[in-house]
Protein backbone atom coordinates (compact mmCIF):
# COMPACT_ATOMS: atom_id res chain seq x y z
CA MET A 1 8.23 -22.75 -11.91
CA SER A 2 9.64 -25.38 -13.15
CA GLU A 3 13.50 -24.33 -14.29
CA LEU A 4 16.56 -24.27 -11.28
CA ILE A 5 17.60 -20.71 -11.11
CA SER A 6 21.74 -20.90 -9.40
CA ILE A 7 22.79 -18.08 -7.52
CA VAL A 8 26.42 -17.52 -7.80
CA ILE A 9 28.05 -15.33 -5.07
CA PRO A 10 31.73 -14.49 -4.58
CA THR A 11 32.86 -13.44 -1.95
CA LEU A 12 36.20 -12.28 0.41
CA ASN A 13 35.56 -10.99 4.01
CA GLU A 14 31.54 -10.00 3.60
CA SER A 15 30.64 -11.69 7.48
CA GLU A 16 28.44 -8.45 7.88
CA ASN A 17 26.59 -8.83 4.92
CA ILE A 18 26.38 -12.09 3.52
CA ALA A 19 23.65 -13.67 5.51
CA LYS A 20 21.20 -10.44 4.97
CA ALA A 21 21.90 -10.90 1.04
CA ILE A 22 21.08 -14.51 1.27
CA LYS A 23 17.72 -14.07 3.28
CA GLY A 24 16.88 -10.88 0.28
CA ILE A 25 17.30 -13.87 -2.29
CA ARG A 26 15.09 -16.11 -0.09
CA ASN A 27 12.25 -13.58 -0.03
CA VAL A 28 12.11 -13.02 -3.11
CA LEU A 29 12.49 -16.05 -4.60
CA LYS A 30 9.27 -17.84 -3.17
CA GLY A 31 7.85 -20.23 -5.52
CA TYR A 32 11.32 -20.81 -7.27
CA LYS A 33 13.50 -23.61 -7.46
CA TYR A 34 16.88 -22.41 -6.65
CA GLU A 35 20.28 -22.86 -5.42
CA ILE A 36 22.40 -20.42 -3.86
CA ILE A 37 26.28 -20.64 -4.21
CA VAL A 38 29.16 -18.88 -2.36
CA VAL A 39 32.29 -19.02 -3.72
CA ASP A 40 34.35 -17.94 -0.94
CA GLY A 41 38.21 -16.66 -1.13
CA HIS A 42 38.88 -18.30 2.30
CA SER A 43 37.65 -15.37 4.33
CA PRO A 44 39.37 -15.14 7.56
CA ASP A 45 35.97 -13.25 8.94
CA ASN A 46 33.94 -16.75 8.91
CA THR A 47 32.07 -15.39 5.80
CA ASP A 48 31.90 -19.13 4.94
CA LYS A 49 30.44 -20.81 7.98
CA ILE A 50 28.11 -17.86 8.12
CA ALA A 51 26.79 -18.34 4.31
CA LYS A 52 26.47 -22.71 5.19
CA LYS A 53 24.34 -21.25 8.23
CA ALA A 54 22.05 -19.48 6.20
CA GLY A 55 21.54 -22.23 4.00
CA ALA A 56 24.29 -21.65 0.93
CA THR A 57 26.66 -23.86 -1.12
CA VAL A 58 30.06 -22.83 -0.42
CA ILE A 59 32.86 -23.57 -2.29
CA TYR A 60 36.17 -22.06 -2.42
CA ASP A 61 38.80 -20.25 -4.61
CA ARG A 62 41.44 -17.83 -3.37
CA ILE A 63 42.53 -16.51 -7.15
CA GLY A 64 39.85 -13.61 -7.56
CA LYS A 65 36.66 -12.55 -8.44
CA GLY A 66 36.78 -13.89 -12.33
CA SER A 67 38.11 -17.12 -11.19
CA ALA A 68 35.24 -17.83 -8.60
CA LEU A 69 32.55 -16.81 -10.79
CA ARG A 70 33.61 -19.24 -13.17
CA LYS A 71 34.37 -21.92 -10.22
CA GLY A 72 30.74 -21.17 -9.44
CA PHE A 73 29.30 -21.10 -12.85
CA ASP A 74 30.82 -24.72 -13.26
CA TYR A 75 29.45 -25.80 -9.93
CA ALA A 76 25.71 -24.41 -10.61
CA LYS A 77 23.22 -27.15 -11.59
CA GLY A 78 20.31 -24.59 -12.74
CA ASP A 79 19.25 -23.92 -16.03
CA ILE A 80 19.60 -19.93 -15.35
CA ILE A 81 22.00 -18.79 -13.81
CA ILE A 82 22.71 -15.56 -12.22
CA SER A 83 25.93 -13.43 -11.01
CA MET A 84 25.75 -11.09 -7.70
CA ASP A 85 27.57 -9.30 -5.16
CA ALA A 86 27.51 -9.80 -1.52
CA ASP A 87 28.17 -6.25 -0.26
CA LEU A 88 24.13 -6.05 -0.54
CA SER A 89 24.46 -3.13 -3.54
CA ASN A 90 22.59 -5.44 -5.73
CA GLU A 91 18.57 -5.29 -5.21
CA PRO A 92 17.25 -8.76 -4.58
CA LYS A 93 13.56 -7.49 -6.46
CA GLU A 94 15.92 -7.27 -9.73
CA LEU A 95 16.26 -10.93 -9.79
CA LYS A 96 12.78 -11.71 -11.25
CA ILE A 97 13.61 -9.22 -13.88
CA LEU A 98 16.92 -10.91 -14.39
CA ILE A 99 15.10 -14.46 -14.84
CA ALA A 100 12.22 -13.09 -17.28
CA GLY A 101 14.68 -12.01 -19.81
CA ILE A 102 15.96 -15.85 -20.00
CA GLU A 103 12.88 -17.29 -19.98
CA ALA A 104 12.15 -14.55 -22.31
CA GLY A 105 14.46 -16.10 -24.72
CA TYR A 106 17.52 -14.05 -24.27
CA ASP A 107 21.01 -15.73 -23.47
CA ILE A 108 22.15 -13.22 -21.23
CA CYS A 109 20.54 -10.33 -19.24
CA MET A 110 22.68 -7.59 -17.73
CA GLY A 111 21.56 -5.26 -15.20
CA SER A 112 22.79 -1.59 -16.24
CA ARG A 113 23.18 1.26 -14.03
CA PHE A 114 22.85 3.99 -17.30
CA LEU A 115 19.38 2.74 -18.55
CA LEU A 116 16.78 5.28 -17.38
CA GLY A 117 15.43 3.30 -14.08
CA GLY A 118 19.08 2.40 -13.50
CA GLY A 119 21.22 4.16 -10.81
CA SER A 120 24.08 3.89 -8.63
CA ASP A 121 24.80 5.17 -5.10
CA ASP A 122 28.19 3.79 -5.06
CA MET A 123 30.15 5.33 -7.97
CA PRO A 124 33.17 7.98 -7.98
CA LEU A 125 33.28 10.55 -10.64
CA LEU A 126 36.58 8.23 -11.56
CA ARG A 127 35.26 4.80 -11.72
CA ARG A 128 32.19 6.56 -13.92
CA PHE A 129 34.56 7.89 -15.92
CA GLY A 130 36.47 4.68 -16.53
CA ASN A 131 33.78 2.84 -17.12
CA ARG A 132 31.67 4.97 -19.59
CA ALA A 133 35.39 5.04 -21.31
CA PHE A 134 35.60 1.29 -21.48
CA VAL A 135 32.05 1.19 -22.75
CA LEU A 136 32.68 3.38 -25.66
CA LEU A 137 35.97 1.21 -26.48
CA VAL A 138 34.09 -1.90 -26.33
CA ASN A 139 31.36 -0.68 -28.50
CA LEU A 140 33.95 0.89 -30.86
CA ILE A 141 36.06 -2.03 -31.21
CA TYR A 142 33.19 -4.81 -31.14
CA GLY A 143 30.18 -3.32 -32.98
CA ALA A 144 28.21 -3.38 -29.54
CA LYS A 145 25.34 -1.14 -27.61
CA TYR A 146 26.38 -1.40 -24.17
CA THR A 147 25.54 1.04 -22.03
CA ASP A 148 27.01 -0.52 -19.19
CA LEU A 149 30.17 -2.52 -18.52
CA CYS A 150 31.95 -3.21 -15.06
CA TYR A 151 28.61 -4.56 -13.51
CA GLY A 152 28.28 -7.67 -12.06
CA TYR A 153 24.76 -8.61 -11.78
CA ARG A 154 23.49 -10.55 -14.56
CA SER A 155 21.59 -13.64 -15.65
CA PHE A 156 22.64 -16.04 -18.26
CA SER A 157 21.68 -19.62 -19.62
CA LYS A 158 23.52 -22.74 -18.94
CA ARG A 159 24.15 -22.57 -22.55
CA ALA A 160 25.65 -19.10 -23.19
CA VAL A 161 27.61 -20.03 -19.97
CA LYS A 162 29.29 -23.42 -21.41
CA LYS A 163 29.77 -21.58 -24.88
CA MET A 164 31.93 -18.56 -23.74
CA HIS A 165 34.79 -20.71 -21.83
CA LEU A 166 35.39 -17.41 -19.82
CA ASN A 167 39.30 -17.37 -18.83
CA GLU A 168 39.40 -14.12 -16.63
CA ARG A 169 40.97 -14.45 -13.28
CA GLY A 170 39.72 -10.68 -12.16
CA PHE A 171 37.73 -7.88 -12.24
CA GLY A 172 38.02 -8.37 -15.98
CA ILE A 173 35.43 -10.91 -15.88
CA GLU A 174 32.19 -8.79 -16.89
CA THR A 175 34.22 -7.31 -19.68
CA GLU A 176 35.15 -10.61 -20.80
CA ILE A 177 31.81 -11.71 -20.91
CA ASN A 178 30.46 -8.56 -22.67
CA ILE A 179 32.76 -8.94 -24.99
CA LEU A 180 32.32 -12.61 -25.98
CA ALA A 181 28.47 -12.67 -25.82
CA LYS A 182 28.93 -10.15 -28.73
CA LYS A 183 31.91 -11.95 -30.47
CA PHE A 184 28.78 -15.45 -30.22
CA ASN A 185 26.47 -13.31 -31.39
CA MET A 186 24.46 -14.04 -28.21
CA HIS A 187 21.01 -12.58 -27.57
CA ILE A 188 21.63 -9.82 -25.10
CA LEU A 189 19.27 -8.26 -22.94
CA GLU A 190 20.54 -5.14 -20.64
CA VAL A 191 17.63 -3.81 -18.32
CA PRO A 192 17.87 -0.97 -15.49
CA SER A 193 19.50 -1.96 -11.85
CA TYR A 194 19.97 0.33 -9.37
CA GLU A 195 23.44 -0.41 -7.20
CA LYS A 196 23.46 0.59 -3.73
CA LYS A 197 26.20 1.45 -1.72
CA ARG A 198 27.79 -1.60 -0.38
CA GLU A 199 26.58 -2.02 3.56
CA HIS A 200 29.51 -2.97 5.31
CA GLY A 201 33.20 -3.77 4.76
CA VAL A 202 35.48 -1.94 2.17
CA GLY A 203 35.44 -3.04 -1.61
CA LYS A 204 38.13 -5.12 -3.20
CA LEU A 205 38.17 -2.89 -6.56
CA ARG A 206 41.45 -1.18 -7.52
CA SER A 207 40.53 1.61 -9.50
CA PHE A 208 43.49 1.91 -11.40
CA TYR A 209 45.27 -1.69 -10.89
CA ASP A 210 41.86 -3.30 -12.20
CA GLY A 211 41.26 -0.64 -14.71
CA TYR A 212 44.46 -1.78 -16.37
CA LYS A 213 43.45 -5.03 -16.48
CA ILE A 214 40.01 -4.47 -17.94
CA LEU A 215 41.82 -2.57 -20.77
CA LYS A 216 44.15 -5.77 -21.43
CA THR A 217 40.92 -7.81 -21.53
CA ILE A 218 39.63 -4.93 -24.19
CA LEU A 219 42.34 -5.02 -26.21
CA SER A 220 43.78 -8.81 -26.03
CA ASN A 221 40.57 -10.20 -27.27
CA ILE A 222 40.93 -8.27 -30.26
CA PHE A 223 43.09 -11.29 -31.20
CA ASN A 224 41.54 -14.28 -29.87
């Protein structure tokens, strides 16, 4: 394994989760060359200190998830870049599948909770309906065939990240990635992924507010 893998994890008040998340990554990626980049929103609960102690590189961004991911992507030195949540909802064992997708020649490999073999323990009915509605809308407008949209467990080639020139600052970042990947005719692979419930703390997604932002992202990219 010669390629460097960069794992980018945005955090805000994840002190009870981050050390275990990093340990899970390390257990799976034995034999790989990798770096773990935590992009922390200046958490008051010492998330950054715990992440550093666990061996991650910590940088800071207080704007939002999209802004944090963009900063992490820019900082990453890896040939393959993976975005991952800190709340222990993403299975570390799926990292090898995401890596293999890029190694096979795809530009982006996206985890999907709606493919056979995927699923979620943390998707209330309202969020499930909203995600499905947004998937249908993106597929209709942009001629795509996605099965999932608002899920952040995915891998990228360094080249693909640079080509997209992402702009989103908040939770619309995954939607923007899906749209731009289709616009640029990138080679996209969806793979089954199982989302677990977060182990500690409270999720940051606000269904109606962030749903509006995602809809705005979908519509604004029509004219860009």
